[in-house]
Amino acid sequence: MSPKDLKSRAHDTEVTVWVGKSGLDAVTEELSDQLADRDLVKVKFLRASRGGTSTEELADDLADRVNATLVDTRGHTAVYHR
């Protein structure tokens, strides 16, 4: 599936994972499980998780941890595909 198709499908996808003050470690396993069940997962990075780091940096790090492709980031939300 092309990146453009994935971005189009991601538009209607609901956020199912929220990254909060516990950071990426707390959601890595949950995101991996969700990616095993469906091909697109949307993640919201709450203010407490960001600290001095950008959403893009956090999103890239999380993609590496779960062996997924980062499809898109908009604002404080990222979409992953596996």
PDB file of N, CA and C in Angstrom:
ATOM      1  N   MET A   1       0.842  -1.172   0.000  1.00  0.00           N
ATOM      2  CA  MET A   1       0.000   0.000   0.000  1.00  0.00           C
ATOM      3  C   MET A   1       0.893   1.244   0.000  1.00  0.00           C
ATOM      4  N   SER A   2       0.544   2.204  -0.785  1.00  0.00           N
ATOM      5  CA  SER A   2       1.368   3.396  -0.929  1.00  0.00           C
ATOM      6  C   SER A   2       1.233   4.307   0.300  1.00  0.00           C
ATOM      7  N   PRO A   3       2.255   5.134   0.534  1.00  0.00           N
ATOM      8  CA  PRO A   3       2.174   6.075   1.664  1.00  0.00           C
ATOM      9  C   PRO A   3       0.959   6.996   1.576  1.00  0.00           C
ATOM     10  N   LYS A   4       0.605   7.378   0.374  1.00  0.00           N
ATOM     11  CA  LYS A   4      -0.558   8.258   0.198  1.00  0.00           C
ATOM     12  C   LYS A   4      -1.844   7.539   0.623  1.00  0.00           C
ATOM     13  N   ASP A   5      -1.974   6.257   0.274  1.00  0.00           N
ATOM     14  CA  ASP A   5      -3.142   5.475   0.674  1.00  0.00           C
ATOM     15  C   ASP A   5      -3.202   5.308   2.195  1.00  0.00           C
ATOM     16  N   LEU A   6      -2.040   5.065   2.797  1.00  0.00           N
ATOM     17  CA  LEU A   6      -1.994   4.909   4.250  1.00  0.00           C
ATOM     18  C   LEU A   6      -2.401   6.194   4.953  1.00  0.00           C
ATOM     19  N   LYS A   7      -1.919   7.332   4.460  1.00  0.00           N
ATOM     20  CA  LYS A   7      -2.284   8.620   5.063  1.00  0.00           C
ATOM     21  C   LYS A   7      -3.780   8.872   4.925  1.00  0.00           C
ATOM     22  N   SER A   8      -4.339   8.496   3.794  1.00  0.00           N
ATOM     23  CA  SER A   8      -5.767   8.670   3.568  1.00  0.00           C
ATOM     24  C   SER A   8      -6.585   7.822   4.547  1.00  0.00           C
ATOM     25  N   ARG A   9      -6.178   6.581   4.732  1.00  0.00           N
ATOM     26  CA  ARG A   9      -6.874   5.693   5.663  1.00  0.00           C
ATOM     27  C   ARG A   9      -6.693   6.161   7.106  1.00  0.00           C
ATOM     28  N   ALA A  10      -5.544   6.727   7.421  1.00  0.00           N
ATOM     29  CA  ALA A  10      -5.248   7.170   8.779  1.00  0.00           C
ATOM     30  C   ALA A  10      -6.147   8.320   9.210  1.00  0.00           C
ATOM     31  N   HIS A  11      -6.619   9.086   8.256  1.00  0.00           N
ATOM     32  CA  HIS A  11      -7.448  10.248   8.571  1.00  0.00           C
ATOM     33  C   HIS A  11      -8.662   9.860   9.416  1.00  0.00           C
ATOM     34  N   ASP A  12      -9.290   8.738   9.104  1.00  0.00           N
ATOM     35  CA  ASP A  12     -10.501   8.314   9.806  1.00  0.00           C
ATOM     36  C   ASP A  12     -10.229   7.380  10.979  1.00  0.00           C
ATOM     37  N   THR A  13      -8.962   7.067  11.226  1.00  0.00           N
ATOM     38  CA  THR A  13      -8.597   6.174  12.324  1.00  0.00           C
ATOM     39  C   THR A  13      -8.633   6.926  13.647  1.00  0.00           C
ATOM     40  N   GLU A  14      -9.187   6.283  14.660  1.00  0.00           N
ATOM     41  CA  GLU A  14      -9.261   6.886  15.996  1.00  0.00           C
ATOM     42  C   GLU A  14      -7.953   6.656  16.759  1.00  0.00           C
ATOM     43  N   VAL A  15      -7.629   7.570  17.662  1.00  0.00           N
ATOM     44  CA  VAL A  15      -6.463   7.404  18.537  1.00  0.00           C
ATOM     45  C   VAL A  15      -6.774   6.278  19.523  1.00  0.00           C
ATOM     46  N   THR A  16      -5.854   5.297  19.612  1.00  0.00           N
ATOM     47  CA  THR A  16      -6.059   4.177  20.535  1.00  0.00           C
ATOM     48  C   THR A  16      -4.920   4.030  21.542  1.00  0.00           C
ATOM     49  N   VAL A  17      -3.846   4.809  21.372  1.00  0.00           N
ATOM     50  CA  VAL A  17      -2.723   4.773  22.312  1.00  0.00           C
ATOM     51  C   VAL A  17      -2.362   6.208  22.675  1.00  0.00           C
ATOM     52  N   TRP A  18      -2.233   6.463  23.992  1.00  0.00           N
ATOM     53  CA  TRP A  18      -1.847   7.779  24.466  1.00  0.00           C
ATOM     54  C   TRP A  18      -0.538   7.649  25.223  1.00  0.00           C
ATOM     55  N   VAL A  19       0.440   8.473  24.872  1.00  0.00           N
ATOM     56  CA  VAL A  19       1.725   8.478  25.567  1.00  0.00           C
ATOM     57  C   VAL A  19       1.684   9.633  26.560  1.00  0.00           C
ATOM     58  N   GLY A  20       1.828   9.307  27.837  1.00  0.00           N
ATOM     59  CA  GLY A  20       1.749  10.310  28.887  1.00  0.00           C
ATOM     60  C   GLY A  20       3.063  10.476  29.619  1.00  0.00           C
ATOM     61  N   LYS A  21       2.986  10.850  30.891  1.00  0.00           N
ATOM     62  CA  LYS A  21       4.185  11.157  31.659  1.00  0.00           C
ATOM     63  C   LYS A  21       5.058   9.940  31.920  1.00  0.00           C
ATOM     64  N   SER A  22       4.519   8.728  31.771  1.00  0.00           N
ATOM     65  CA  SER A  22       5.321   7.512  31.956  1.00  0.00           C
ATOM     66  C   SER A  22       6.250   7.253  30.779  1.00  0.00           C
ATOM     67  N   GLY A  23       6.018   7.956  29.685  1.00  0.00           N
ATOM     68  CA  GLY A  23       6.914   7.883  28.540  1.00  0.00           C
ATOM     69  C   GLY A  23       6.649   6.714  27.599  1.00  0.00           C
ATOM     70  N   LEU A  24       7.615   6.479  26.722  1.00  0.00           N
ATOM     71  CA  LEU A  24       7.477   5.483  25.672  1.00  0.00           C
ATOM     72  C   LEU A  24       7.502   4.057  26.195  1.00  0.00           C
ATOM     73  N   ASP A  25       8.273   3.809  27.254  1.00  0.00           N
ATOM     74  CA  ASP A  25       8.375   2.450  27.794  1.00  0.00           C
ATOM     75  C   ASP A  25       7.013   1.892  28.185  1.00  0.00           C
ATOM     76  N   ALA A  26       6.144   2.753  28.679  1.00  0.00           N
ATOM     77  CA  ALA A  26       4.839   2.316  29.163  1.00  0.00           C
ATOM     78  C   ALA A  26       3.896   1.884  28.036  1.00  0.00           C
ATOM     79  N   VAL A  27       4.128   2.329  26.811  1.00  0.00           N
ATOM     80  CA  VAL A  27       3.185   2.025  25.725  1.00  0.00           C
ATOM     81  C   VAL A  27       3.773   1.146  24.628  1.00  0.00           C
ATOM     82  N   THR A  28       5.042   0.828  24.715  1.00  0.00           N
ATOM     83  CA  THR A  28       5.689   0.071  23.643  1.00  0.00           C
ATOM     84  C   THR A  28       5.016  -1.271  23.405  1.00  0.00           C
ATOM     85  N   GLU A  29       4.785  -2.016  24.451  1.00  0.00           N
ATOM     86  CA  GLU A  29       4.162  -3.340  24.303  1.00  0.00           C
ATOM     87  C   GLU A  29       2.726  -3.226  23.794  1.00  0.00           C
ATOM     88  N   GLU A  30       1.980  -2.255  24.310  1.00  0.00           N
ATOM     89  CA  GLU A  30       0.591  -2.059  23.871  1.00  0.00           C
ATOM     90  C   GLU A  30       0.529  -1.712  22.389  1.00  0.00           C
ATOM     91  N   LEU A  31       1.390  -0.824  21.948  1.00  0.00           N
ATOM     92  CA  LEU A  31       1.412  -0.456  20.530  1.00  0.00           C
ATOM     93  C   LEU A  31       1.784  -1.656  19.673  1.00  0.00           C
ATOM     94  N   SER A  32       2.751  -2.431  20.101  1.00  0.00           N
ATOM     95  CA  SER A  32       3.156  -3.613  19.348  1.00  0.00           C
ATOM     96  C   SER A  32       1.998  -4.607  19.233  1.00  0.00           C
ATOM     97  N   ASP A  33       1.266  -4.803  20.322  1.00  0.00           N
ATOM     98  CA  ASP A  33       0.102  -5.703  20.300  1.00  0.00           C
ATOM     99  C   ASP A  33      -0.976  -5.196  19.350  1.00  0.00           C
ATOM    100  N   GLN A  34      -1.229  -3.890  19.385  1.00  0.00           N
ATOM    101  CA  GLN A  34      -2.254  -3.332  18.497  1.00  0.00           C
ATOM    102  C   GLN A  34      -1.840  -3.438  17.030  1.00  0.00           C
ATOM    103  N   LEU A  35      -0.551  -3.239  16.745  1.00  0.00           N
ATOM    104  CA  LEU A  35      -0.079  -3.360  15.365  1.00  0.00           C
ATOM    105  C   LEU A  35      -0.165  -4.802  14.871  1.00  0.00           C
ATOM    106  N   ALA A  36      -0.102  -5.763  15.776  1.00  0.00           N
ATOM    107  CA  ALA A  36      -0.260  -7.170  15.398  1.00  0.00           C
ATOM    108  C   ALA A  36      -1.709  -7.455  15.004  1.00  0.00           C
ATOM    109  N   ASP A  37      -2.655  -6.730  15.619  1.00  0.00           N
ATOM    110  CA  ASP A  37      -4.078  -6.932  15.341  1.00  0.00           C
ATOM    111  C   ASP A  37      -4.591  -6.145  14.145  1.00  0.00           C
ATOM    112  N   ARG A  38      -4.029  -4.958  13.920  1.00  0.00           N
ATOM    113  CA  ARG A  38      -4.488  -4.123  12.790  1.00  0.00           C
ATOM    114  C   ARG A  38      -3.285  -3.445  12.162  1.00  0.00           C
ATOM    115  N   ASP A  39      -3.443  -2.983  10.948  1.00  0.00           N
ATOM    116  CA  ASP A  39      -2.274  -2.466  10.228  1.00  0.00           C
ATOM    117  C   ASP A  39      -1.983  -0.993  10.494  1.00  0.00           C
ATOM    118  N   LEU A  40      -2.948  -0.212  10.970  1.00  0.00           N
ATOM    119  CA  LEU A  40      -2.726   1.202  11.281  1.00  0.00           C
ATOM    120  C   LEU A  40      -3.119   1.489  12.724  1.00  0.00           C
ATOM    121  N   VAL A  41      -2.247   2.199  13.438  1.00  0.00           N
ATOM    122  CA  VAL A  41      -2.551   2.603  14.814  1.00  0.00           C
ATOM    123  C   VAL A  41      -2.158   4.066  14.969  1.00  0.00           C
ATOM    124  N   LYS A  42      -3.053   4.832  15.579  1.00  0.00           N
ATOM    125  CA  LYS A  42      -2.811   6.255  15.804  1.00  0.00           C
ATOM    126  C   LYS A  42      -2.457   6.478  17.266  1.00  0.00           C
ATOM    127  N   VAL A  43      -1.387   7.244  17.499  1.00  0.00           N
ATOM    128  CA  VAL A  43      -0.865   7.494  18.837  1.00  0.00           C
ATOM    129  C   VAL A  43      -0.845   8.997  19.107  1.00  0.00           C
ATOM    130  N   LYS A  44      -1.318   9.384  20.278  1.00  0.00           N
ATOM    131  CA  LYS A  44      -1.311  10.793  20.696  1.00  0.00           C
ATOM    132  C   LYS A  44      -0.242  10.984  21.762  1.00  0.00           C
ATOM    133  N   PHE A  45       0.622  11.976  21.573  1.00  0.00           N
ATOM    134  CA  PHE A  45       1.667  12.304  22.543  1.00  0.00           C
ATOM    135  C   PHE A  45       1.182  13.474  23.393  1.00  0.00           C
ATOM    136  N   LEU A  46       0.850  13.192  24.636  1.00  0.00           N
ATOM    137  CA  LEU A  46       0.366  14.228  25.542  1.00  0.00           C
ATOM    138  C   LEU A  46       1.515  15.137  25.967  1.00  0.00           C
ATOM    139  N   ARG A  47       1.196  16.317  26.446  1.00  0.00           N
ATOM    140  CA  ARG A  47       2.194  17.325  26.809  1.00  0.00           C
ATOM    141  C   ARG A  47       3.218  16.780  27.805  1.00  0.00           C
ATOM    142  N   ALA A  48       2.772  15.999  28.775  1.00  0.00           N
ATOM    143  CA  ALA A  48       3.667  15.470  29.809  1.00  0.00           C
ATOM    144  C   ALA A  48       4.730  14.545  29.232  1.00  0.00           C
ATOM    145  N   SER A  49       4.445  13.901  28.120  1.00  0.00           N
ATOM    146  CA  SER A  49       5.407  12.962  27.528  1.00  0.00           C
ATOM    147  C   SER A  49       6.489  13.677  26.737  1.00  0.00           C
ATOM    148  N   ARG A  50       6.185  14.858  26.259  1.00  0.00           N
ATOM    149  CA  ARG A  50       7.099  15.528  25.349  1.00  0.00           C
ATOM    150  C   ARG A  50       8.275  16.188  26.049  1.00  0.00           C
ATOM    151  N   GLY A  51       8.065  16.769  27.194  1.00  0.00           N
ATOM    152  CA  GLY A  51       9.163  17.465  27.874  1.00  0.00           C
ATOM    153  C   GLY A  51       9.798  18.458  26.925  1.00  0.00           C
ATOM    154  N   GLY A  52      11.077  18.330  26.662  1.00  0.00           N
ATOM    155  CA  GLY A  52      11.770  19.217  25.731  1.00  0.00           C
ATOM    156  C   GLY A  52      11.999  18.570  24.377  1.00  0.00           C
ATOM    157  N   THR A  53      11.341  17.447  24.123  1.00  0.00           N
ATOM    158  CA  THR A  53      11.541  16.697  22.885  1.00  0.00           C
ATOM    159  C   THR A  53      10.389  16.962  21.920  1.00  0.00           C
ATOM    160  N   SER A  54      10.683  16.979  20.639  1.00  0.00           N
ATOM    161  CA  SER A  54       9.624  17.202  19.652  1.00  0.00           C
ATOM    162  C   SER A  54       8.821  15.916  19.441  1.00  0.00           C
ATOM    163  N   THR A  55       7.614  16.083  18.972  1.00  0.00           N
ATOM    164  CA  THR A  55       6.749  14.943  18.675  1.00  0.00           C
ATOM    165  C   THR A  55       7.385  14.045  17.629  1.00  0.00           C
ATOM    166  N   GLU A  56       8.031  14.628  16.634  1.00  0.00           N
ATOM    167  CA  GLU A  56       8.654  13.849  15.562  1.00  0.00           C
ATOM    168  C   GLU A  56       9.760  12.944  16.104  1.00  0.00           C
ATOM    169  N   GLU A  57      10.560  13.470  17.030  1.00  0.00           N
ATOM    170  CA  GLU A  57      11.632  12.670  17.623  1.00  0.00           C
ATOM    171  C   GLU A  57      11.073  11.511  18.444  1.00  0.00           C
ATOM    172  N   LEU A  58      10.045  11.790  19.233  1.00  0.00           N
ATOM    173  CA  LEU A  58       9.412  10.737  20.019  1.00  0.00           C
ATOM    174  C   LEU A  58       8.773   9.695  19.108  1.00  0.00           C
ATOM    175  N   ALA A  59       8.121  10.161  18.044  1.00  0.00           N
ATOM    176  CA  ALA A  59       7.454   9.246  17.123  1.00  0.00           C
ATOM    177  C   ALA A  59       8.463   8.336  16.427  1.00  0.00           C
ATOM    178  N   ASP A  60       9.594   8.887  16.004  1.00  0.00           N
ATOM    179  CA  ASP A  60      10.647   8.074  15.375  1.00  0.00           C
ATOM    180  C   ASP A  60      11.193   7.037  16.350  1.00  0.00           C
ATOM    181  N   ASP A  61      11.435   7.454  17.587  1.00  0.00           N
ATOM    182  CA  ASP A  61      11.960   6.541  18.598  1.00  0.00           C
ATOM    183  C   ASP A  61      10.978   5.396  18.855  1.00  0.00           C
ATOM    184  N   LEU A  62       9.698   5.711  18.957  1.00  0.00           N
ATOM    185  CA  LEU A  62       8.689   4.686  19.191  1.00  0.00           C
ATOM    186  C   LEU A  62       8.576   3.733  18.004  1.00  0.00           C
ATOM    187  N   ALA A  63       8.686   4.252  16.798  1.00  0.00           N
ATOM    188  CA  ALA A  63       8.649   3.398  15.602  1.00  0.00           C
ATOM    189  C   ALA A  63       9.792   2.396  15.620  1.00  0.00           C
ATOM    190  N   ASP A  64      10.971   2.844  16.017  1.00  0.00           N
ATOM    191  CA  ASP A  64      12.127   1.940  16.121  1.00  0.00           C
ATOM    192  C   ASP A  64      11.898   0.862  17.168  1.00  0.00           C
ATOM    193  N   ARG A  65      11.305   1.237  18.284  1.00  0.00           N
ATOM    194  CA  ARG A  65      11.091   0.292  19.382  1.00  0.00           C
ATOM    195  C   ARG A  65      10.109  -0.822  19.022  1.00  0.00           C
ATOM    196  N   VAL A  66       9.119  -0.518  18.178  1.00  0.00           N
ATOM    197  CA  VAL A  66       8.101  -1.526  17.842  1.00  0.00           C
ATOM    198  C   VAL A  66       8.281  -2.087  16.435  1.00  0.00           C
ATOM    199  N   ASN A  67       9.371  -1.700  15.775  1.00  0.00           N
ATOM    200  CA  ASN A  67       9.659  -2.189  14.427  1.00  0.00           C
ATOM    201  C   ASN A  67       8.490  -1.902  13.474  1.00  0.00           C
ATOM    202  N   ALA A  68       8.083  -0.641  13.443  1.00  0.00           N
ATOM    203  CA  ALA A  68       6.968  -0.206  12.603  1.00  0.00           C
ATOM    204  C   ALA A  68       7.411   0.970  11.735  1.00  0.00           C
ATOM    205  N   THR A  69       6.593   1.274  10.766  1.00  0.00           N
ATOM    206  CA  THR A  69       6.836   2.415   9.891  1.00  0.00           C
ATOM    207  C   THR A  69       6.014   3.595  10.385  1.00  0.00           C
ATOM    208  N   LEU A  70       6.662   4.732  10.513  1.00  0.00           N
ATOM    209  CA  LEU A  70       5.955   5.960  10.863  1.00  0.00           C
ATOM    210  C   LEU A  70       5.345   6.509   9.588  1.00  0.00           C
ATOM    211  N   VAL A  71       4.025   6.502   9.518  1.00  0.00           N
ATOM    212  CA  VAL A  71       3.320   6.936   8.311  1.00  0.00           C
ATOM    213  C   VAL A  71       3.246   8.447   8.236  1.00  0.00           C
ATOM    214  N   ASP A  72       2.885   9.083   9.366  1.00  0.00           N
ATOM    215  CA  ASP A  72       2.667  10.528   9.355  1.00  0.00           C
ATOM    216  C   ASP A  72       2.642  11.055  10.785  1.00  0.00           C
ATOM    217  N   THR A  73       3.045  12.307  10.954  1.00  0.00           N
ATOM    218  CA  THR A  73       2.837  13.011  12.216  1.00  0.00           C
ATOM    219  C   THR A  73       2.130  14.321  11.896  1.00  0.00           C
ATOM    220  N   ARG A  74       1.134  14.628  12.708  1.00  0.00           N
ATOM    221  CA  ARG A  74       0.417  15.890  12.583  1.00  0.00           C
ATOM    222  C   ARG A  74       0.152  16.397  13.979  1.00  0.00           C
ATOM    223  N   GLY A  75       0.640  17.585  14.250  1.00  0.00           N
ATOM    224  CA  GLY A  75       0.496  18.125  15.594  1.00  0.00           C
ATOM    225  C   GLY A  75       1.212  17.235  16.583  1.00  0.00           C
ATOM    226  N   HIS A  76       0.466  16.658  17.501  1.00  0.00           N
ATOM    227  CA  HIS A  76       1.048  15.781  18.513  1.00  0.00           C
ATOM    228  C   HIS A  76       0.556  14.345  18.351  1.00  0.00           C
ATOM    229  N   THR A  77       0.182  13.998  17.122  1.00  0.00           N
ATOM    230  CA  THR A  77      -0.348  12.674  16.815  1.00  0.00           C
ATOM    231  C   THR A  77       0.497  12.023  15.741  1.00  0.00           C
ATOM    232  N   ALA A  78       0.726  10.717  15.888  1.00  0.00           N
ATOM    233  CA  ALA A  78       1.507   9.956  14.910  1.00  0.00           C
ATOM    234  C   ALA A  78       0.717   8.719  14.495  1.00  0.00           C
ATOM    235  N   VAL A  79       0.958   8.268  13.273  1.00  0.00           N
ATOM    236  CA  VAL A  79       0.311   7.072  12.746  1.00  0.00           C
ATOM    237  C   VAL A  79       1.371   6.064  12.382  1.00  0.00           C
ATOM    238  N   TYR A  80       1.178   4.819  12.825  1.00  0.00           N
ATOM    239  CA  TYR A  80       2.138   3.751  12.590  1.00  0.00           C
ATOM    240  C   TYR A  80       1.512   2.640  11.748  1.00  0.00           C
ATOM    241  N   HIS A  81       2.376   1.981  10.983  1.00  0.00           N
ATOM    242  CA  HIS A  81       1.939   0.874  10.121  1.00  0.00           C
ATOM    243  C   HIS A  81       2.947  -0.258  10.232  1.00  0.00           C
ATOM    244  N   ARG A  82       2.442  -1.465  10.256  1.00  0.00           N
ATOM    245  CA  ARG A  82       3.343  -2.619  10.222  1.00  0.00           C
ATOM    246  C   ARG A  82       2.732  -3.655   9.317  1.00  0.00           C
TER     247      ARG A  82
END
